[in-house]
Amino acid sequence: MLGTFQSSHLRIEVPAPTDQLREYLTQPAKLRQWLWPLQLQRMGDRLQVGDTFTSEFLWLKLEHRVELLTAERLVLVLRQAIEGWQEWSWGDGWVQSCIEGVTPLPLELGQTVLLWRLKSVLSETVSS
């Protein structure tokens, strides 16, 4: 894999309780709402340990494998566009994303955009 090793750890406040965050991070229908512009392949109703799925953006493909899933934590092994892993953890009013891997892509910028999208979608849901 070409690229450099990168690491990014971000935690933000979000207007959502733990249960709602779990839904938005583990249910494909909810994931699709905030992962735009990433396109997710068809998946089941809820992520489970061992599930593998692919996201695409333009010509880039990223394979995700669910390594760990608990009530407040999700760990994904990443392959192709990023060779590494990502961990999501959450609680009432906050979400944290840690990602490490080898990639030519600007990892921290992508992570920041995704967290901003998640917060934006959750803010719209609360105000509706």
C-alpha atoms as a PDB file:
ATOM      1  CA  MET A   1       0.000   0.000   0.000  1.00  0.00           C
ATOM      2  CA  LEU A   2       1.313   3.402  -0.946  1.00  0.00           C
ATOM      3  CA  GLY A   3       0.909   6.267   1.461  1.00  0.00           C
ATOM      4  CA  THR A   4       1.982   7.252   4.919  1.00  0.00           C
ATOM      5  CA  PHE A   5       0.940   6.078   8.350  1.00  0.00           C
ATOM      6  CA  GLN A   6      -1.573   8.501   9.824  1.00  0.00           C
ATOM      7  CA  SER A   7      -3.466   8.640  13.085  1.00  0.00           C
ATOM      8  CA  SER A   8      -6.369  10.840  14.106  1.00  0.00           C
ATOM      9  CA  HIS A   9      -8.460  10.927  17.276  1.00  0.00           C
ATOM     10  CA  LEU A  10     -11.454  13.252  17.468  1.00  0.00           C
ATOM     11  CA  ARG A  11     -14.234  13.602  20.030  1.00  0.00           C
ATOM     12  CA  ILE A  12     -17.190  15.952  19.651  1.00  0.00           C
ATOM     13  CA  GLU A  13     -20.379  16.825  21.472  1.00  0.00           C
ATOM     14  CA  VAL A  14     -23.555  15.792  19.687  1.00  0.00           C
ATOM     15  CA  PRO A  15     -27.219  16.430  20.533  1.00  0.00           C
ATOM     16  CA  ALA A  16     -28.131  12.757  20.954  1.00  0.00           C
ATOM     17  CA  PRO A  17     -28.489  10.101  23.646  1.00  0.00           C
ATOM     18  CA  THR A  18     -26.475   6.869  23.630  1.00  0.00           C
ATOM     19  CA  ASP A  19     -29.249   4.765  22.043  1.00  0.00           C
ATOM     20  CA  GLN A  20     -29.693   7.159  19.119  1.00  0.00           C
ATOM     21  CA  LEU A  21     -25.942   7.289  18.497  1.00  0.00           C
ATOM     22  CA  ARG A  22     -25.814   3.482  18.474  1.00  0.00           C
ATOM     23  CA  GLU A  23     -28.546   3.461  15.801  1.00  0.00           C
ATOM     24  CA  TYR A  24     -26.724   5.996  13.627  1.00  0.00           C
ATOM     25  CA  LEU A  25     -23.448   4.074  13.879  1.00  0.00           C
ATOM     26  CA  THR A  26     -24.706   0.490  13.511  1.00  0.00           C
ATOM     27  CA  GLN A  27     -27.824   0.565  11.305  1.00  0.00           C
ATOM     28  CA  PRO A  28     -27.028   0.823   7.579  1.00  0.00           C
ATOM     29  CA  ALA A  29     -30.163   2.875   6.813  1.00  0.00           C
ATOM     30  CA  LYS A  30     -29.043   5.470   9.375  1.00  0.00           C
ATOM     31  CA  LEU A  31     -25.377   5.257   8.312  1.00  0.00           C
ATOM     32  CA  ARG A  32     -26.348   6.201   4.756  1.00  0.00           C
ATOM     33  CA  GLN A  33     -27.952   9.427   6.020  1.00  0.00           C
ATOM     34  CA  TRP A  34     -24.695  10.914   7.277  1.00  0.00           C
ATOM     35  CA  LEU A  35     -21.940   9.051   5.406  1.00  0.00           C
ATOM     36  CA  TRP A  36     -22.719  10.924   2.197  1.00  0.00           C
ATOM     37  CA  PRO A  37     -20.840  11.297  -0.156  1.00  0.00           C
ATOM     38  CA  LEU A  38     -19.705   7.733   0.580  1.00  0.00           C
ATOM     39  CA  GLN A  39     -21.895   5.122  -1.073  1.00  0.00           C
ATOM     40  CA  LEU A  40     -22.480   1.930   0.925  1.00  0.00           C
ATOM     41  CA  GLN A  41     -23.238  -1.410  -0.680  1.00  0.00           C
ATOM     42  CA  ARG A  42     -26.371  -3.272   0.395  1.00  0.00           C
ATOM     43  CA  MET A  43     -26.188  -4.590   3.944  1.00  0.00           C
ATOM     44  CA  GLY A  44     -28.526  -6.127   6.509  1.00  0.00           C
ATOM     45  CA  ASP A  45     -30.611  -4.146   8.980  1.00  0.00           C
ATOM     46  CA  ARG A  46     -27.907  -3.928  11.639  1.00  0.00           C
ATOM     47  CA  LEU A  47     -24.144  -4.429  11.721  1.00  0.00           C
ATOM     48  CA  GLN A  48     -22.855  -7.567  13.433  1.00  0.00           C
ATOM     49  CA  VAL A  49     -19.383  -8.829  14.310  1.00  0.00           C
ATOM     50  CA  GLY A  50     -17.866 -10.429  11.215  1.00  0.00           C
ATOM     51  CA  ASP A  51     -19.876  -8.360   8.711  1.00  0.00           C
ATOM     52  CA  THR A  52     -17.913  -6.990   5.782  1.00  0.00           C
ATOM     53  CA  PHE A  53     -19.112  -4.111   3.617  1.00  0.00           C
ATOM     54  CA  THR A  54     -17.659  -1.696   1.098  1.00  0.00           C
ATOM     55  CA  SER A  55     -17.988   2.063   0.823  1.00  0.00           C
ATOM     56  CA  GLU A  56     -17.115   3.954  -2.336  1.00  0.00           C
ATOM     57  CA  PHE A  57     -16.297   7.550  -3.159  1.00  0.00           C
ATOM     58  CA  LEU A  58     -15.489   8.388  -6.773  1.00  0.00           C
ATOM     59  CA  TRP A  59     -12.873   5.775  -7.759  1.00  0.00           C
ATOM     60  CA  LEU A  60     -11.890   4.889  -4.173  1.00  0.00           C
ATOM     61  CA  LYS A  61     -13.125   1.738  -2.452  1.00  0.00           C
ATOM     62  CA  LEU A  62     -12.828   1.039   1.243  1.00  0.00           C
ATOM     63  CA  GLU A  63     -13.585  -2.347   2.741  1.00  0.00           C
ATOM     64  CA  HIS A  64     -14.801  -2.426   6.358  1.00  0.00           C
ATOM     65  CA  ARG A  65     -14.940  -5.522   8.567  1.00  0.00           C
ATOM     66  CA  VAL A  66     -16.746  -5.350  11.911  1.00  0.00           C
ATOM     67  CA  GLU A  67     -14.205  -6.610  14.443  1.00  0.00           C
ATOM     68  CA  LEU A  68     -15.998  -5.621  17.665  1.00  0.00           C
ATOM     69  CA  LEU A  69     -19.460  -4.291  18.440  1.00  0.00           C
ATOM     70  CA  THR A  70     -20.793  -3.527  21.915  1.00  0.00           C
ATOM     71  CA  ALA A  71     -23.492  -1.207  23.262  1.00  0.00           C
ATOM     72  CA  GLU A  72     -21.111   1.792  23.112  1.00  0.00           C
ATOM     73  CA  ARG A  73     -18.221   0.767  20.867  1.00  0.00           C
ATOM     74  CA  LEU A  74     -17.590  -0.275  17.262  1.00  0.00           C
ATOM     75  CA  VAL A  75     -14.217  -1.351  15.844  1.00  0.00           C
ATOM     76  CA  LEU A  76     -13.713  -1.717  12.091  1.00  0.00           C
ATOM     77  CA  VAL A  77     -10.726  -3.171  10.246  1.00  0.00           C
ATOM     78  CA  LEU A  78     -10.138  -1.168   7.056  1.00  0.00           C
ATOM     79  CA  ARG A  79      -8.640  -2.371   3.767  1.00  0.00           C
ATOM     80  CA  GLN A  80      -7.953  -1.031   0.268  1.00  0.00           C
ATOM     81  CA  ALA A  81      -8.015   2.816   0.267  1.00  0.00           C
ATOM     82  CA  ILE A  82      -6.944   2.748   3.938  1.00  0.00           C
ATOM     83  CA  GLU A  83      -5.047  -0.153   5.485  1.00  0.00           C
ATOM     84  CA  GLY A  84      -5.753   0.119   9.193  1.00  0.00           C
ATOM     85  CA  TRP A  85      -8.605   0.331  11.673  1.00  0.00           C
ATOM     86  CA  GLN A  86     -11.235   2.694  13.030  1.00  0.00           C
ATOM     87  CA  GLU A  87     -12.855   2.725  16.445  1.00  0.00           C
ATOM     88  CA  TRP A  88     -16.085   4.512  17.287  1.00  0.00           C
ATOM     89  CA  SER A  89     -17.206   5.007  20.878  1.00  0.00           C
ATOM     90  CA  TRP A  90     -20.145   7.017  22.157  1.00  0.00           C
ATOM     91  CA  GLY A  91     -22.209   8.054  25.146  1.00  0.00           C
ATOM     92  CA  ASP A  92     -24.923  10.561  26.037  1.00  0.00           C
ATOM     93  CA  GLY A  93     -24.051  13.748  24.147  1.00  0.00           C
ATOM     94  CA  TRP A  94     -20.683  12.716  22.669  1.00  0.00           C
ATOM     95  CA  VAL A  95     -19.068  10.569  19.991  1.00  0.00           C
ATOM     96  CA  GLN A  96     -15.407   9.750  19.455  1.00  0.00           C
ATOM     97  CA  SER A  97     -13.642   8.398  16.392  1.00  0.00           C
ATOM     98  CA  CYS A  98     -10.100   7.058  16.365  1.00  0.00           C
ATOM     99  CA  ILE A  99      -8.609   6.000  13.060  1.00  0.00           C
ATOM    100  CA  GLU A 100      -5.142   4.773  12.135  1.00  0.00           C
ATOM    101  CA  GLY A 101      -3.811   3.481   8.877  1.00  0.00           C
ATOM    102  CA  VAL A 102      -1.598   3.740   5.861  1.00  0.00           C
ATOM    103  CA  THR A 103      -3.141   5.798   3.077  1.00  0.00           C
ATOM    104  CA  PRO A 104      -2.306   8.548   0.587  1.00  0.00           C
ATOM    105  CA  LEU A 105      -5.598  10.262   1.560  1.00  0.00           C
ATOM    106  CA  PRO A 106      -5.865  13.121   4.104  1.00  0.00           C
ATOM    107  CA  LEU A 107      -7.171  10.939   6.929  1.00  0.00           C
ATOM    108  CA  GLU A 108      -7.859  13.661   9.510  1.00  0.00           C
ATOM    109  CA  LEU A 109      -9.747  15.812   6.993  1.00  0.00           C
ATOM    110  CA  GLY A 110     -12.007  12.908   6.024  1.00  0.00           C
ATOM    111  CA  GLN A 111     -12.644  12.012   9.640  1.00  0.00           C
ATOM    112  CA  THR A 112     -13.500  15.628  10.492  1.00  0.00           C
ATOM    113  CA  VAL A 113     -15.967  15.855   7.587  1.00  0.00           C
ATOM    114  CA  LEU A 114     -17.688  12.612   8.626  1.00  0.00           C
ATOM    115  CA  LEU A 115     -18.044  13.713  12.257  1.00  0.00           C
ATOM    116  CA  TRP A 116     -19.397  17.075  11.130  1.00  0.00           C
ATOM    117  CA  ARG A 117     -21.946  15.280   8.888  1.00  0.00           C
ATOM    118  CA  LEU A 118     -23.022  13.005  11.764  1.00  0.00           C
ATOM    119  CA  LYS A 119     -23.481  15.975  14.099  1.00  0.00           C
ATOM    120  CA  SER A 120     -25.379  17.881  11.411  1.00  0.00           C
ATOM    121  CA  VAL A 121     -27.798  15.014  10.715  1.00  0.00           C
ATOM    122  CA  LEU A 122     -28.377  14.439  14.442  1.00  0.00           C
ATOM    123  CA  SER A 123     -28.984  18.180  14.976  1.00  0.00           C
ATOM    124  CA  GLU A 124     -31.622  18.139  12.215  1.00  0.00           C
ATOM    125  CA  THR A 125     -33.261  15.095  13.807  1.00  0.00           C
ATOM    126  CA  VAL A 126     -33.456  16.794  17.220  1.00  0.00           C
ATOM    127  CA  SER A 127     -34.917  20.020  15.795  1.00  0.00           C
ATOM    128  CA  SER A 128     -37.590  18.157  13.761  1.00  0.00           C
END
